[in-house]
Amino acid sequence: MISTTFLPGQGLGNQLWVYAACRAIAKSHNVPYLINQTQNFKGSGFLDIQFGSDELCQYSDGHSRLYQARIFHESLYYDPELNYFASSYDSRVEQIDCDVELSGLFQSEKYLYNFAADLRDWIVLDPKSLSAVESFRDVCVLNLRGGEYKRHKNLILPKKYWIDAIANIRKNVGIDRFVIVTDDPRYASSFLPGIPILRGGIAECYAALHVAASIVVSNSSFSYFPIKTRADLPFVIAPMFWSRFANQYSRWASPANIYRHWFWQDYNGCLYSFDDCESHAISTYSYYQDTCTILSPASFLQPPPHLSFLSAAHRKFIKRLLAYLFPRLFG
């Protein structure tokens, strides 16, 4: 059996990646799969997913591990020059020969093997959420990330990226109507004033990405599944080099996060296909294998030391206050 766990701090995109990878890896080995801690699922109420194989669901309450399994930690590579923990496809999953629990990011399309078409059956958006965004079928959605990204400045995409992407959408698709979906409306309205913001919850944001005529994504896992579970192939623009846009080393951070059928935009606003960019991701992965330290995911999930002396309630209050006063700086 192959299992994984939905963690309290995971975003929806991260949860859907470990879920899809768990199902695909289990299917490739012809064994059952199981998702633990399902009460943490961020898509409850608008996404229909199956938390385990039919023969296992009846035995699991979703709140605790059904059995003791060996933990399979996905390999991560620490890049000191980019100050980044990178991941790629970990081929060791092909040699799994016992019950394991997957721990890691698992965001490479290679983990889906030949089952990518099954995603539309594995992750189903409810009709109510779809009907709420019918008017978005002829617009371009900008998936702007703020929030905690503002605490990691290298993740924030410059305004130039969005302006160039809007120009590319107008030129290549002929769309001149744009709307923002975001986790941080105050930041978005300050950062890109004049572009309307979808004032809905996570369900409406997900659904808008699922139906929009074209999409400009940030370097966030949230946008992948609403796009990839569509029946069509929309025009998608994504940031070249992903989490370290326009870095001086031309490294793809992470090599896992390069996806087919998307266009990748560089700092000059030029668009490149997946085939144009794949060699960058491959060379980055080879570099990491040769030069970088391999780490376990748990090694970097510690709270910031300068806030550790505060209670959770105090930290939450301070973050909200700073985000209200300075939306461009704090999340």
Protein backbone atom coordinates (compact mmCIF):
# COMPACT_ATOMS: atom_id res chain seq x y z
CA MET A 1 0.00 0.00 0.00
CA ILE A 2 1.08 3.59 -0.74
CA SER A 3 -0.15 6.37 1.54
CA THR A 4 0.39 10.04 2.23
CA THR A 5 -0.87 12.58 4.78
CA PHE A 6 -2.62 15.93 4.45
CA LEU A 7 -0.75 18.24 6.80
CA PRO A 8 -2.37 21.22 8.58
CA GLY A 9 -0.01 23.76 7.01
CA GLN A 10 -0.28 22.52 3.42
CA GLY A 11 -1.98 24.64 0.80
CA LEU A 12 -4.56 23.12 -1.51
CA GLY A 13 -2.13 22.85 -4.43
CA ASN A 14 0.40 20.98 -2.30
CA GLN A 15 -2.30 18.64 -1.03
CA LEU A 16 -3.57 17.85 -4.51
CA TRP A 17 -0.03 17.12 -5.71
CA VAL A 18 0.69 14.58 -2.96
CA TYR A 19 -2.77 13.08 -3.45
CA ALA A 20 -2.40 12.70 -7.23
CA ALA A 21 1.17 11.41 -6.95
CA CYS A 22 0.10 8.91 -4.28
CA ARG A 23 -2.69 7.54 -6.46
CA ALA A 24 -0.52 7.38 -9.58
CA ILE A 25 2.45 5.75 -7.83
CA ALA A 26 0.12 3.21 -6.20
CA LYS A 27 -1.54 2.50 -9.54
CA SER A 28 1.84 2.03 -11.21
CA HIS A 29 2.69 -0.62 -8.57
CA ASN A 30 -0.82 -2.11 -8.72
CA VAL A 31 -1.35 -1.63 -4.98
CA PRO A 32 -3.98 0.27 -2.94
CA TYR A 33 -3.54 3.88 -1.80
CA LEU A 34 -4.72 5.76 1.29
CA ILE A 35 -4.80 9.44 2.36
CA ASN A 36 -4.37 10.16 6.09
CA GLN A 37 -5.59 13.18 8.08
CA THR A 38 -8.30 13.99 5.56
CA GLN A 39 -9.89 16.50 7.95
CA ASN A 40 -7.08 18.87 6.86
CA PHE A 41 -8.18 18.86 3.20
CA LYS A 42 -8.52 22.46 1.97
CA GLY A 43 -10.85 21.50 -0.88
CA SER A 44 -13.69 20.15 1.25
CA GLY A 45 -17.02 21.42 0.05
CA PHE A 46 -16.15 22.01 -3.59
CA LEU A 47 -13.76 19.26 -4.73
CA ASP A 48 -14.72 15.60 -4.87
CA ILE A 49 -11.76 13.28 -4.34
CA GLN A 50 -11.52 9.69 -3.12
CA PHE A 51 -9.33 9.39 -0.04
CA GLY A 52 -8.41 5.75 -0.60
CA SER A 53 -8.87 2.67 -2.71
CA ASP A 54 -12.34 1.11 -2.44
CA GLU A 55 -11.09 -1.76 -0.30
CA LEU A 56 -9.46 0.63 2.22
CA CYS A 57 -11.90 3.52 2.64
CA GLN A 58 -14.25 1.46 4.84
CA TYR A 59 -11.47 0.87 7.37
CA SER A 60 -10.12 4.42 7.69
CA ASP A 61 -11.66 7.27 9.65
CA GLY A 62 -9.31 9.66 7.83
CA HIS A 63 -7.87 11.02 11.07
CA SER A 64 -5.07 8.61 11.91
CA ARG A 65 -2.71 6.26 10.16
CA LEU A 66 -4.25 2.88 9.46
CA TYR A 67 -0.92 1.09 9.83
CA GLN A 68 2.76 1.65 10.50
CA ALA A 69 4.62 2.15 7.25
CA ARG A 70 8.14 3.06 6.26
CA ILE A 71 8.43 6.76 5.45
CA PHE A 72 9.63 7.52 1.94
CA HIS A 73 11.23 10.97 1.97
CA GLU A 74 11.41 12.59 -1.44
CA SER A 75 14.90 13.90 -2.16
CA LEU A 76 15.38 17.66 -1.90
CA TYR A 77 18.48 19.58 -2.98
CA TYR A 78 19.68 22.67 -1.16
CA ASP A 79 21.00 25.38 -3.50
CA PRO A 80 23.03 27.83 -1.35
CA GLU A 81 23.37 30.39 -4.16
CA LEU A 82 19.62 30.60 -4.69
CA ASN A 83 18.87 29.86 -1.03
CA TYR A 84 16.32 27.34 -2.13
CA PHE A 85 15.27 23.73 -1.54
CA ALA A 86 14.67 22.19 -4.96
CA SER A 87 12.93 18.99 -5.93
CA SER A 88 12.64 16.84 -9.01
CA TYR A 89 11.31 13.42 -9.91
CA ASP A 90 12.73 10.93 -7.42
CA SER A 91 13.09 7.71 -9.39
CA ARG A 92 13.47 5.66 -6.19
CA VAL A 93 9.66 5.45 -6.09
CA GLU A 94 9.93 2.92 -8.91
CA GLN A 95 11.67 0.48 -6.54
CA ILE A 96 9.11 0.65 -3.72
CA ASP A 97 8.51 -2.92 -2.58
CA CYS A 98 6.69 -2.53 0.76
CA ASP A 99 4.08 -0.39 2.51
CA VAL A 100 5.33 3.21 2.47
CA GLU A 101 4.06 6.65 3.38
CA LEU A 102 5.14 9.37 0.97
CA SER A 103 6.61 12.52 2.50
CA GLY A 104 7.63 15.44 0.31
CA LEU A 105 6.36 17.74 -2.45
CA PHE A 106 5.91 15.33 -5.41
CA GLN A 107 5.18 18.11 -7.91
CA SER A 108 6.72 16.62 -11.04
CA GLU A 109 4.42 15.50 -13.83
CA LYS A 110 6.61 12.41 -14.09
CA TYR A 111 4.95 11.11 -10.91
CA LEU A 112 1.69 10.91 -12.85
CA TYR A 113 3.20 8.38 -15.29
CA ASN A 114 0.64 7.55 -17.96
CA PHE A 115 -2.33 8.42 -15.76
CA ALA A 116 -2.50 12.21 -16.30
CA ALA A 117 -5.82 11.79 -18.15
CA ASP A 118 -7.27 10.21 -15.00
CA LEU A 119 -6.93 13.50 -13.10
CA ARG A 120 -10.33 14.60 -14.37
CA ASP A 121 -11.86 11.58 -12.58
CA TRP A 122 -9.66 11.85 -9.49
CA ILE A 123 -10.39 15.55 -8.84
CA VAL A 124 -13.92 16.72 -9.66
CA LEU A 125 -15.13 20.30 -9.20
CA ASP A 126 -18.71 20.64 -7.98
CA PRO A 127 -21.27 22.16 -10.41
CA LYS A 128 -22.23 24.95 -7.99
CA SER A 129 -18.72 26.40 -8.05
CA LEU A 130 -18.63 26.14 -11.83
CA SER A 131 -21.91 27.97 -12.26
CA ALA A 132 -20.62 30.83 -10.10
CA VAL A 133 -17.87 31.65 -12.62
CA GLU A 134 -19.64 31.20 -15.95
CA SER A 135 -18.86 34.81 -16.87
CA PHE A 136 -15.12 34.07 -16.73
CA ARG A 137 -15.07 31.85 -19.81
CA ASP A 138 -14.01 34.72 -22.07
CA VAL A 139 -11.46 36.39 -19.76
CA CYS A 140 -7.82 35.99 -18.82
CA VAL A 141 -7.31 35.15 -15.16
CA LEU A 142 -4.17 36.41 -13.41
CA ASN A 143 -3.33 34.10 -10.49
CA LEU A 144 -1.44 36.59 -8.30
CA ARG A 145 0.17 35.31 -5.10
CA GLY A 146 0.80 37.51 -2.09
CA GLY A 147 0.28 36.38 1.49
CA GLU A 148 3.22 34.43 2.89
CA TYR A 149 5.14 34.96 -0.37
CA LYS A 150 5.91 38.47 0.87
CA ARG A 151 7.97 36.88 3.64
CA HIS A 152 10.08 35.17 0.96
CA LYS A 153 10.91 38.03 -1.38
CA ASN A 154 12.56 35.84 -4.01
CA LEU A 155 9.18 34.21 -4.67
CA ILE A 156 7.42 37.49 -5.46
CA LEU A 157 7.19 38.07 -9.20
CA PRO A 158 8.01 41.64 -10.31
CA LYS A 159 5.30 43.86 -11.72
CA LYS A 160 7.06 43.67 -15.09
CA TYR A 161 6.22 39.96 -15.31
CA TRP A 162 2.50 40.69 -15.11
CA ILE A 163 2.58 43.68 -17.46
CA ASP A 164 4.51 41.68 -20.06
CA ALA A 165 2.16 38.72 -19.66
CA ILE A 166 -0.90 40.91 -20.18
CA ALA A 167 0.69 42.24 -23.39
CA ASN A 168 1.42 38.68 -24.54
CA ILE A 169 -2.16 37.59 -23.87
CA ARG A 170 -3.49 40.51 -25.91
CA LYS A 171 -1.09 39.74 -28.74
CA ASN A 172 -1.41 35.94 -28.87
CA VAL A 173 -4.97 35.32 -27.71
CA GLY A 174 -6.75 38.58 -28.49
CA ILE A 175 -8.29 38.86 -25.04
CA ASP A 176 -8.54 42.28 -23.45
CA ARG A 177 -10.52 41.46 -20.32
CA PHE A 178 -8.56 40.50 -17.21
CA VAL A 179 -9.43 39.57 -13.65
CA ILE A 180 -7.24 38.68 -10.68
CA VAL A 181 -7.70 35.68 -8.41
CA THR A 182 -5.53 35.93 -5.34
CA ASP A 183 -4.98 34.91 -1.75
CA ASP A 184 -4.27 38.57 -0.89
CA PRO A 185 -6.77 41.10 -2.34
CA ARG A 186 -5.27 44.13 -0.55
CA TYR A 187 -1.85 43.35 -1.97
CA ALA A 188 -3.26 42.70 -5.46
CA SER A 189 -5.23 45.96 -5.58
CA SER A 190 -2.12 47.90 -4.56
CA PHE A 191 0.21 45.97 -6.86
CA LEU A 192 -1.94 45.92 -10.02
CA PRO A 193 -4.47 48.74 -9.57
CA GLY A 194 -7.31 48.97 -12.04
CA ILE A 195 -7.67 45.23 -12.67
CA PRO A 196 -10.79 43.78 -11.03
CA ILE A 197 -10.33 41.16 -8.32
CA LEU A 198 -12.55 38.13 -7.87
CA ARG A 199 -14.01 38.69 -4.40
CA GLY A 200 -14.73 35.07 -3.64
CA GLY A 201 -13.28 32.26 -1.63
CA ILE A 202 -10.92 29.48 -2.56
CA ALA A 203 -13.68 27.60 -4.41
CA GLU A 204 -14.44 30.53 -6.73
CA CYS A 205 -10.73 31.15 -7.38
CA TYR A 206 -10.17 27.49 -8.26
CA ALA A 207 -13.24 27.42 -10.50
CA ALA A 208 -12.21 30.60 -12.33
CA LEU A 209 -8.89 28.99 -13.25
CA HIS A 210 -10.81 25.94 -14.42
CA VAL A 211 -12.91 27.85 -16.97
CA ALA A 212 -10.94 30.95 -18.02
CA ALA A 213 -10.06 31.39 -21.69
CA SER A 214 -6.42 32.00 -20.75
CA ILE A 215 -4.40 32.14 -17.55
CA VAL A 216 -1.26 33.82 -16.26
CA VAL A 217 0.05 31.86 -13.29
CA SER A 218 2.45 32.71 -10.51
CA ASN A 219 5.04 30.26 -9.18
CA SER A 220 2.42 28.52 -7.04
CA SER A 221 1.15 24.95 -7.07
CA PHE A 222 -2.45 26.19 -6.64
CA SER A 223 -3.05 26.77 -10.35
CA TYR A 224 -1.90 23.39 -11.68
CA PHE A 225 -4.91 21.16 -11.05
CA PRO A 226 -7.75 23.51 -12.02
CA ILE A 227 -5.93 23.91 -15.35
CA LYS A 228 -4.85 20.31 -15.89
CA THR A 229 -8.27 18.83 -15.07
CA ARG A 230 -9.89 20.76 -17.91
CA ALA A 231 -10.97 19.02 -21.10
CA ASP A 232 -9.19 21.64 -23.22
CA LEU A 233 -5.73 23.22 -23.34
CA PRO A 234 -6.01 26.92 -22.50
CA PHE A 235 -3.26 29.42 -23.29
CA VAL A 236 -1.17 29.52 -20.10
CA ILE A 237 1.79 31.76 -19.29
CA ALA A 238 4.09 30.81 -16.41
CA PRO A 239 7.33 32.33 -15.03
CA MET A 240 10.53 30.89 -16.48
CA PHE A 241 12.71 29.22 -13.81
CA TRP A 242 9.60 29.03 -11.57
CA SER A 243 10.50 29.90 -7.95
CA ARG A 244 13.57 31.96 -8.84
CA PHE A 245 12.33 33.99 -11.77
CA ALA A 246 15.11 35.48 -13.94
CA ASN A 247 17.88 34.24 -11.63
CA GLN A 248 21.41 34.95 -12.83
CA TYR A 249 22.34 31.24 -12.97
CA SER A 250 19.49 30.24 -15.30
CA ARG A 251 18.60 27.41 -12.92
CA TRP A 252 15.12 25.95 -12.89
CA ALA A 253 13.98 26.07 -9.27
CA SER A 254 12.62 23.47 -9.00
CA PRO A 255 13.27 21.06 -11.88
CA ALA A 256 9.99 19.39 -10.87
CA ASN A 257 7.98 22.49 -11.72
CA ILE A 258 8.06 22.55 -15.49
CA TYR A 259 4.82 21.58 -17.16
CA ARG A 260 3.81 20.61 -20.67
CA HIS A 261 1.51 22.75 -22.83
CA TRP A 262 2.35 25.96 -20.95
CA PHE A 263 4.32 28.92 -22.26
CA TRP A 264 7.20 30.16 -20.14
CA GLN A 265 7.95 33.87 -20.00
CA ASP A 266 11.43 35.26 -19.32
CA TYR A 267 12.38 38.61 -17.81
CA ASN A 268 12.34 40.29 -21.22
CA GLY A 269 8.76 39.19 -21.82
CA CYS A 270 9.65 36.56 -24.44
CA LEU A 271 7.64 33.33 -24.50
CA TYR A 272 9.10 29.85 -24.81
CA SER A 273 7.46 26.45 -25.15
CA PHE A 274 7.97 23.46 -22.86
CA ASP A 275 10.32 21.94 -25.44
CA ASP A 276 12.36 25.15 -25.49
CA CYS A 277 12.74 25.09 -21.69
CA GLU A 278 13.06 21.42 -20.84
CA SER A 279 16.84 21.45 -21.31
CA HIS A 280 17.13 24.16 -18.61
CA ALA A 281 15.32 21.95 -16.09
CA ILE A 282 17.39 18.90 -17.03
CA SER A 283 20.68 20.78 -16.70
CA THR A 284 19.60 22.20 -13.33
CA TYR A 285 18.76 18.72 -12.06
CA SER A 286 22.13 17.39 -13.22
CA TYR A 287 23.87 20.27 -11.47
CA TYR A 288 22.02 19.57 -8.22
CA GLN A 289 22.84 15.88 -8.37
CA ASP A 290 26.53 16.66 -8.80
CA THR A 291 27.00 19.54 -6.38
CA CYS A 292 24.19 20.01 -3.85
CA THR A 293 23.37 18.47 -0.51
CA ILE A 294 20.40 16.13 -0.41
CA LEU A 295 18.02 16.84 2.48
CA SER A 296 14.78 15.62 4.04
CA PRO A 297 11.73 17.91 3.87
CA ALA A 298 11.45 18.18 7.67
CA SER A 299 14.75 20.03 7.88
CA PHE A 300 13.32 23.36 6.73
CA LEU A 301 9.82 23.39 8.18
CA GLN A 302 10.69 25.19 11.40
CA PRO A 303 9.02 28.47 12.50
CA PRO A 304 11.01 31.70 12.08
CA PRO A 305 13.26 32.06 15.16
CA HIS A 306 12.52 35.78 15.59
CA LEU A 307 8.82 34.98 16.19
CA SER A 308 9.17 31.72 18.09
CA PHE A 309 8.90 33.39 21.50
CA LEU A 310 5.40 34.71 20.71
CA SER A 311 2.22 32.75 21.10
CA ALA A 312 0.37 31.67 17.96
CA ALA A 313 -2.40 34.17 18.67
CA HIS A 314 0.06 37.06 19.03
CA ARG A 315 1.90 36.10 15.82
CA LYS A 316 -1.41 35.95 13.94
CA PHE A 317 -2.49 39.38 15.23
CA ILE A 318 0.85 41.00 14.33
CA LYS A 319 0.81 39.52 10.83
CA ARG A 320 -2.74 40.73 10.18
CA LEU A 321 -1.93 44.22 11.44
CA LEU A 322 1.20 44.53 9.32
CA ALA A 323 -0.61 43.15 6.25
CA TYR A 324 -3.38 45.73 6.69
CA LEU A 325 -0.99 48.66 7.14
CA PHE A 326 1.58 47.60 4.52
CA PRO A 327 -0.11 45.26 2.00
CA ARG A 328 2.82 45.40 -0.44
CA LEU A 329 5.30 44.22 2.21
CA PHE A 330 3.61 41.82 4.61
CA GLY A 331 1.37 38.81 4.22
